[in-house]
N, C-alpha and C. Protein backbone atom coordinates (compact mmCIF):
# COMPACT_ATOMS: atom_id res chain seq x y z
N MET A 1 0.85 -1.17 0.00
CA MET A 1 0.00 0.00 0.00
C MET A 1 0.89 1.23 0.00
N PRO A 2 0.55 2.25 -0.79
CA PRO A 2 1.38 3.45 -0.81
C PRO A 2 1.47 4.09 0.57
N ASP A 3 2.54 4.81 0.77
CA ASP A 3 2.73 5.41 2.08
C ASP A 3 2.61 6.92 1.98
N ASP A 4 2.27 7.54 3.09
CA ASP A 4 2.00 8.98 3.13
C ASP A 4 3.26 9.80 3.37
N GLY A 5 4.43 9.18 3.38
CA GLY A 5 5.68 9.87 3.64
C GLY A 5 6.05 9.87 5.12
N ARG A 6 5.13 9.43 5.97
CA ARG A 6 5.38 9.35 7.41
C ARG A 6 5.28 7.91 7.88
N GLY A 7 5.25 6.96 6.93
CA GLY A 7 5.18 5.56 7.29
C GLY A 7 3.77 5.01 7.36
N GLY A 8 2.76 5.86 7.22
CA GLY A 8 1.37 5.42 7.28
C GLY A 8 0.82 5.20 5.88
N PRO A 9 -0.37 4.60 5.78
CA PRO A 9 -0.95 4.37 4.47
C PRO A 9 -1.34 5.68 3.80
N HIS A 10 -1.25 5.72 2.48
CA HIS A 10 -1.69 6.88 1.72
C HIS A 10 -3.16 7.12 2.06
N PRO A 11 -3.58 8.38 2.31
CA PRO A 11 -4.93 8.64 2.78
C PRO A 11 -6.03 8.13 1.85
N GLN A 12 -5.79 8.07 0.56
CA GLN A 12 -6.84 7.64 -0.34
C GLN A 12 -6.89 6.13 -0.49
N CYS A 13 -6.06 5.42 0.22
CA CYS A 13 -6.09 3.96 0.18
C CYS A 13 -6.24 3.37 1.58
N ALA A 14 -6.44 4.21 2.57
CA ALA A 14 -6.43 3.75 3.94
C ALA A 14 -7.66 2.95 4.34
N ARG A 15 -8.82 3.32 3.83
CA ARG A 15 -10.05 2.65 4.24
C ARG A 15 -10.60 1.86 3.08
N GLY A 16 -11.33 0.80 3.40
CA GLY A 16 -11.98 0.01 2.37
C GLY A 16 -13.45 0.39 2.26
N VAL A 17 -14.04 0.04 1.14
CA VAL A 17 -15.44 0.33 0.89
C VAL A 17 -16.11 -0.98 0.50
N VAL A 18 -17.31 -1.22 1.00
CA VAL A 18 -18.05 -2.41 0.62
C VAL A 18 -18.97 -2.05 -0.54
N LEU A 19 -18.77 -2.71 -1.66
CA LEU A 19 -19.63 -2.53 -2.81
C LEU A 19 -20.53 -3.76 -2.89
N SER A 20 -21.14 -4.03 -4.03
CA SER A 20 -22.15 -5.09 -4.10
C SER A 20 -21.61 -6.49 -3.86
N LYS A 21 -20.46 -6.83 -4.41
CA LYS A 21 -19.96 -8.20 -4.29
C LYS A 21 -18.82 -8.34 -3.29
N HIS A 22 -18.04 -7.31 -3.12
CA HIS A 22 -16.80 -7.44 -2.36
C HIS A 22 -16.58 -6.23 -1.45
N SER A 23 -15.73 -6.43 -0.49
CA SER A 23 -15.18 -5.32 0.27
C SER A 23 -13.90 -4.93 -0.45
N VAL A 24 -13.91 -3.79 -1.11
CA VAL A 24 -12.74 -3.40 -1.88
C VAL A 24 -11.79 -2.59 -1.00
N ARG A 25 -10.52 -2.74 -1.28
CA ARG A 25 -9.51 -2.05 -0.50
C ARG A 25 -9.08 -0.76 -1.19
N LEU A 26 -10.06 0.14 -1.31
CA LEU A 26 -9.84 1.51 -1.79
C LEU A 26 -10.79 2.41 -1.02
N SER A 27 -10.38 3.62 -0.79
CA SER A 27 -11.25 4.56 -0.10
C SER A 27 -12.35 5.06 -1.04
N GLU A 28 -13.40 5.61 -0.45
CA GLU A 28 -14.46 6.22 -1.26
C GLU A 28 -13.89 7.34 -2.12
N ALA A 29 -12.96 8.11 -1.57
CA ALA A 29 -12.34 9.21 -2.32
C ALA A 29 -11.58 8.68 -3.54
N ALA A 30 -10.85 7.60 -3.38
CA ALA A 30 -10.11 7.02 -4.50
C ALA A 30 -11.06 6.49 -5.57
N ILE A 31 -12.15 5.86 -5.15
CA ILE A 31 -13.14 5.35 -6.10
C ILE A 31 -13.76 6.52 -6.87
N GLN A 32 -14.04 7.61 -6.17
CA GLN A 32 -14.62 8.79 -6.83
C GLN A 32 -13.64 9.36 -7.85
N VAL A 33 -12.37 9.41 -7.52
CA VAL A 33 -11.35 9.90 -8.45
C VAL A 33 -11.31 9.02 -9.70
N ILE A 34 -11.35 7.71 -9.52
CA ILE A 34 -11.34 6.78 -10.65
C ILE A 34 -12.55 7.03 -11.54
N LYS A 35 -13.73 7.18 -10.94
CA LYS A 35 -14.95 7.41 -11.71
C LYS A 35 -14.89 8.73 -12.49
N GLU A 36 -14.48 9.80 -11.82
CA GLU A 36 -14.40 11.11 -12.46
C GLU A 36 -13.41 11.10 -13.61
N THR A 37 -12.26 10.50 -13.39
CA THR A 37 -11.21 10.46 -14.41
C THR A 37 -11.65 9.63 -15.60
N ALA A 38 -12.30 8.50 -15.35
CA ALA A 38 -12.78 7.64 -16.43
C ALA A 38 -13.85 8.35 -17.26
N ALA A 39 -14.79 8.99 -16.59
CA ALA A 39 -15.85 9.70 -17.30
C ALA A 39 -15.27 10.83 -18.15
N SER A 40 -14.30 11.53 -17.60
CA SER A 40 -13.66 12.63 -18.32
C SER A 40 -12.89 12.14 -19.55
N GLN A 41 -12.17 11.05 -19.38
CA GLN A 41 -11.32 10.57 -20.48
C GLN A 41 -12.07 9.74 -21.51
N PHE A 42 -13.03 8.91 -21.07
CA PHE A 42 -13.66 7.96 -21.98
C PHE A 42 -15.10 8.32 -22.35
N GLY A 43 -15.68 9.30 -21.69
CA GLY A 43 -17.01 9.75 -22.04
C GLY A 43 -18.11 8.94 -21.38
N PRO A 44 -19.36 9.29 -21.72
CA PRO A 44 -20.50 8.63 -21.08
C PRO A 44 -20.58 7.15 -21.46
N GLY A 45 -21.11 6.38 -20.53
CA GLY A 45 -21.32 4.96 -20.79
C GLY A 45 -20.12 4.08 -20.53
N VAL A 46 -19.00 4.64 -20.09
CA VAL A 46 -17.81 3.83 -19.83
C VAL A 46 -18.08 2.92 -18.62
N GLU A 47 -17.58 1.69 -18.71
CA GLU A 47 -17.61 0.77 -17.57
C GLU A 47 -16.19 0.70 -17.01
N VAL A 48 -16.10 0.67 -15.68
CA VAL A 48 -14.81 0.49 -15.03
C VAL A 48 -14.98 -0.59 -13.98
N TRP A 49 -14.11 -1.58 -14.05
CA TRP A 49 -14.11 -2.71 -13.12
C TRP A 49 -12.80 -2.73 -12.35
N LEU A 50 -12.88 -2.89 -11.04
CA LEU A 50 -11.72 -3.11 -10.19
C LEU A 50 -11.58 -4.61 -10.00
N PHE A 51 -10.37 -5.13 -10.19
CA PHE A 51 -10.15 -6.56 -10.02
C PHE A 51 -8.78 -6.80 -9.42
N GLY A 52 -8.46 -8.04 -9.19
CA GLY A 52 -7.15 -8.38 -8.61
C GLY A 52 -7.16 -8.29 -7.10
N SER A 53 -6.00 -7.99 -6.53
CA SER A 53 -5.83 -8.06 -5.08
C SER A 53 -6.69 -7.03 -4.33
N ARG A 54 -7.08 -5.95 -4.95
CA ARG A 54 -7.87 -4.93 -4.25
C ARG A 54 -9.31 -5.37 -3.97
N VAL A 55 -9.75 -6.49 -4.54
CA VAL A 55 -11.09 -7.00 -4.24
C VAL A 55 -11.02 -8.30 -3.44
N ARG A 56 -9.84 -8.63 -2.95
CA ARG A 56 -9.68 -9.82 -2.11
C ARG A 56 -9.27 -9.39 -0.71
N ASP A 57 -10.14 -9.67 0.25
CA ASP A 57 -9.86 -9.29 1.64
C ASP A 57 -8.59 -9.94 2.17
N SER A 58 -8.27 -11.13 1.69
CA SER A 58 -7.11 -11.86 2.20
C SER A 58 -5.79 -11.30 1.68
N ALA A 59 -5.85 -10.50 0.61
CA ALA A 59 -4.62 -9.95 0.02
C ALA A 59 -4.19 -8.69 0.77
N ARG A 60 -2.92 -8.37 0.66
CA ARG A 60 -2.39 -7.14 1.26
C ARG A 60 -1.67 -6.37 0.18
N GLY A 61 -1.67 -5.05 0.33
CA GLY A 61 -0.97 -4.21 -0.63
C GLY A 61 -1.54 -4.39 -2.02
N GLY A 62 -0.68 -4.39 -2.98
CA GLY A 62 -1.09 -4.66 -4.34
C GLY A 62 -1.36 -3.40 -5.14
N ASP A 63 -1.26 -3.58 -6.43
CA ASP A 63 -1.53 -2.47 -7.32
C ASP A 63 -3.04 -2.34 -7.54
N ILE A 64 -3.43 -1.30 -8.22
CA ILE A 64 -4.83 -1.08 -8.57
C ILE A 64 -5.01 -1.59 -9.99
N ASP A 65 -5.76 -2.67 -10.15
CA ASP A 65 -6.01 -3.26 -11.47
C ASP A 65 -7.39 -2.83 -11.94
N LEU A 66 -7.45 -2.18 -13.10
CA LEU A 66 -8.71 -1.68 -13.62
C LEU A 66 -8.96 -2.17 -15.04
N LEU A 67 -10.17 -2.61 -15.28
CA LEU A 67 -10.64 -2.93 -16.62
C LEU A 67 -11.54 -1.78 -17.05
N VAL A 68 -11.24 -1.20 -18.21
CA VAL A 68 -12.04 -0.10 -18.74
C VAL A 68 -12.69 -0.58 -20.03
N VAL A 69 -14.01 -0.40 -20.12
CA VAL A 69 -14.77 -0.79 -21.31
C VAL A 69 -15.44 0.48 -21.83
N PRO A 70 -14.79 1.16 -22.78
CA PRO A 70 -15.37 2.39 -23.31
C PRO A 70 -16.54 2.10 -24.24
N LYS A 71 -17.52 2.97 -24.21
CA LYS A 71 -18.65 2.84 -25.12
C LYS A 71 -18.29 3.40 -26.49
N LEU A 72 -17.48 4.44 -26.48
CA LEU A 72 -17.07 5.10 -27.72
C LEU A 72 -15.78 4.46 -28.23
N PRO A 73 -15.59 4.40 -29.56
CA PRO A 73 -14.36 3.81 -30.11
C PRO A 73 -13.13 4.65 -29.75
N LEU A 74 -11.99 3.97 -29.63
CA LEU A 74 -10.73 4.62 -29.32
C LEU A 74 -9.78 4.51 -30.50
N GLU A 75 -8.96 5.54 -30.70
CA GLU A 75 -7.92 5.46 -31.73
C GLU A 75 -6.86 4.45 -31.34
N SER A 76 -6.43 4.53 -30.08
CA SER A 76 -5.37 3.65 -29.58
C SER A 76 -5.68 3.25 -28.15
N GLY A 77 -6.01 1.98 -27.96
CA GLY A 77 -6.28 1.48 -26.62
C GLY A 77 -5.07 1.58 -25.72
N ALA A 78 -3.89 1.31 -26.27
CA ALA A 78 -2.66 1.35 -25.47
C ALA A 78 -2.39 2.78 -24.99
N ARG A 79 -2.56 3.74 -25.87
CA ARG A 79 -2.33 5.13 -25.48
C ARG A 79 -3.38 5.59 -24.45
N ALA A 80 -4.63 5.21 -24.66
CA ALA A 80 -5.69 5.57 -23.72
C ALA A 80 -5.43 4.97 -22.34
N ALA A 81 -4.96 3.72 -22.31
CA ALA A 81 -4.65 3.07 -21.03
C ALA A 81 -3.52 3.80 -20.31
N ALA A 82 -2.48 4.16 -21.04
CA ALA A 82 -1.34 4.86 -20.44
C ALA A 82 -1.74 6.24 -19.93
N GLU A 83 -2.54 6.96 -20.71
CA GLU A 83 -2.99 8.30 -20.29
C GLU A 83 -3.90 8.22 -19.06
N PHE A 84 -4.77 7.22 -19.02
CA PHE A 84 -5.67 7.04 -17.88
C PHE A 84 -4.87 6.71 -16.63
N ALA A 85 -3.93 5.78 -16.74
CA ALA A 85 -3.09 5.41 -15.59
C ALA A 85 -2.29 6.62 -15.09
N ALA A 86 -1.75 7.41 -16.01
CA ALA A 86 -0.97 8.60 -15.62
C ALA A 86 -1.86 9.63 -14.92
N ALA A 87 -3.06 9.83 -15.44
CA ALA A 87 -3.98 10.79 -14.81
C ALA A 87 -4.36 10.33 -13.40
N LEU A 88 -4.58 9.03 -13.24
CA LEU A 88 -4.90 8.52 -11.91
C LEU A 88 -3.72 8.66 -10.96
N GLN A 89 -2.52 8.38 -11.43
CA GLN A 89 -1.35 8.52 -10.57
C GLN A 89 -1.17 9.98 -10.14
N TRP A 90 -1.46 10.90 -11.03
CA TRP A 90 -1.34 12.32 -10.71
C TRP A 90 -2.32 12.68 -9.57
N ARG A 91 -3.54 12.13 -9.64
CA ARG A 91 -4.57 12.48 -8.66
C ARG A 91 -4.52 11.64 -7.39
N LEU A 92 -4.07 10.39 -7.49
CA LEU A 92 -4.07 9.49 -6.33
C LEU A 92 -2.72 9.40 -5.64
N GLY A 93 -1.69 9.86 -6.28
CA GLY A 93 -0.36 9.71 -5.72
C GLY A 93 0.37 8.58 -6.42
N ASP A 94 1.64 8.48 -6.15
CA ASP A 94 2.48 7.51 -6.84
C ASP A 94 2.20 6.10 -6.33
N GLN A 95 1.48 5.34 -7.14
CA GLN A 95 1.22 3.94 -6.83
C GLN A 95 1.07 3.18 -8.14
N ARG A 96 1.19 1.89 -8.05
CA ARG A 96 1.10 1.05 -9.25
C ARG A 96 -0.36 0.93 -9.68
N ILE A 97 -0.61 1.28 -10.93
CA ILE A 97 -1.95 1.19 -11.50
C ILE A 97 -1.83 0.49 -12.84
N ASP A 98 -2.54 -0.61 -12.99
CA ASP A 98 -2.57 -1.35 -14.25
C ASP A 98 -3.95 -1.17 -14.88
N VAL A 99 -3.96 -0.82 -16.16
CA VAL A 99 -5.21 -0.59 -16.87
C VAL A 99 -5.28 -1.50 -18.08
N VAL A 100 -6.40 -2.20 -18.20
CA VAL A 100 -6.68 -3.04 -19.37
C VAL A 100 -7.87 -2.40 -20.07
N ILE A 101 -7.73 -2.17 -21.37
CA ILE A 101 -8.83 -1.61 -22.16
C ILE A 101 -9.47 -2.75 -22.95
N ASP A 102 -10.78 -2.91 -22.78
CA ASP A 102 -11.53 -3.88 -23.57
C ASP A 102 -12.39 -3.10 -24.55
N ASP A 103 -11.89 -3.00 -25.78
CA ASP A 103 -12.63 -2.26 -26.81
C ASP A 103 -13.61 -3.16 -27.57
N ARG A 104 -13.72 -4.39 -27.11
CA ARG A 104 -14.67 -5.38 -27.65
C ARG A 104 -14.40 -5.74 -29.10
N THR A 105 -13.17 -5.51 -29.57
CA THR A 105 -12.83 -5.91 -30.94
C THR A 105 -12.34 -7.35 -31.01
N ARG A 106 -11.90 -7.88 -29.87
CA ARG A 106 -11.46 -9.27 -29.82
C ARG A 106 -11.64 -9.77 -28.39
N PRO A 107 -11.84 -11.06 -28.21
CA PRO A 107 -12.03 -11.58 -26.85
C PRO A 107 -10.76 -11.42 -26.00
N LEU A 108 -10.92 -10.95 -24.79
CA LEU A 108 -9.81 -10.81 -23.86
C LEU A 108 -10.11 -11.66 -22.62
N PRO A 109 -9.38 -12.76 -22.43
CA PRO A 109 -9.62 -13.59 -21.24
C PRO A 109 -9.53 -12.81 -19.93
N ILE A 110 -8.63 -11.85 -19.85
CA ILE A 110 -8.50 -11.08 -18.61
C ILE A 110 -9.75 -10.24 -18.35
N ALA A 111 -10.41 -9.79 -19.42
CA ALA A 111 -11.64 -9.01 -19.26
C ALA A 111 -12.76 -9.90 -18.72
N VAL A 112 -12.82 -11.12 -19.20
CA VAL A 112 -13.82 -12.07 -18.70
C VAL A 112 -13.58 -12.32 -17.21
N ARG A 113 -12.34 -12.56 -16.85
CA ARG A 113 -11.98 -12.83 -15.45
C ARG A 113 -12.26 -11.62 -14.56
N ALA A 114 -11.95 -10.42 -15.06
CA ALA A 114 -12.19 -9.20 -14.27
C ALA A 114 -13.67 -9.02 -13.98
N ARG A 115 -14.51 -9.33 -14.95
CA ARG A 115 -15.95 -9.20 -14.74
C ARG A 115 -16.47 -10.27 -13.77
N GLU A 116 -15.91 -11.45 -13.84
CA GLU A 116 -16.35 -12.55 -12.97
C GLU A 116 -15.93 -12.32 -11.53
N ALA A 117 -14.68 -11.93 -11.31
CA ALA A 117 -14.12 -11.86 -9.96
C ALA A 117 -13.99 -10.43 -9.43
N GLY A 118 -14.25 -9.46 -10.29
CA GLY A 118 -14.04 -8.07 -9.89
C GLY A 118 -15.30 -7.39 -9.43
N GLU A 119 -15.17 -6.09 -9.25
CA GLU A 119 -16.27 -5.24 -8.78
C GLU A 119 -16.42 -4.08 -9.75
N ARG A 120 -17.64 -3.93 -10.27
CA ARG A 120 -17.90 -2.82 -11.19
C ARG A 120 -17.99 -1.52 -10.39
N LEU A 121 -17.17 -0.55 -10.76
CA LEU A 121 -17.19 0.75 -10.10
C LEU A 121 -18.16 1.70 -10.78
N MET A 122 -18.33 1.53 -12.08
CA MET A 122 -19.27 2.37 -12.84
C MET A 122 -19.62 1.70 -14.15
């Protein structure tokens, strides 16, 4: 978990939030930042799923794994993923953020797994 510079947890990752399927290890403020940033970058109708260690109570630490399913077509999924991760790091602080873009042009096994085991944020 990121640290606040004084040895404590980063304030936006300190508390967990219970959503519909899981108790996620992100604060409400961090979830709001993710939602705002996704809506701004990808437009209306975007889906964002949190998956990986942040939705497992038994896990500790870990990066923030996000699946993004844009409604609108993208020129470059790789560029959009990098820009989204950078924008989140700017707003949330320096932490590991992995972004997978599912543009629905080809089947992605990780997208299927993220939907099955993850938590939809928006």
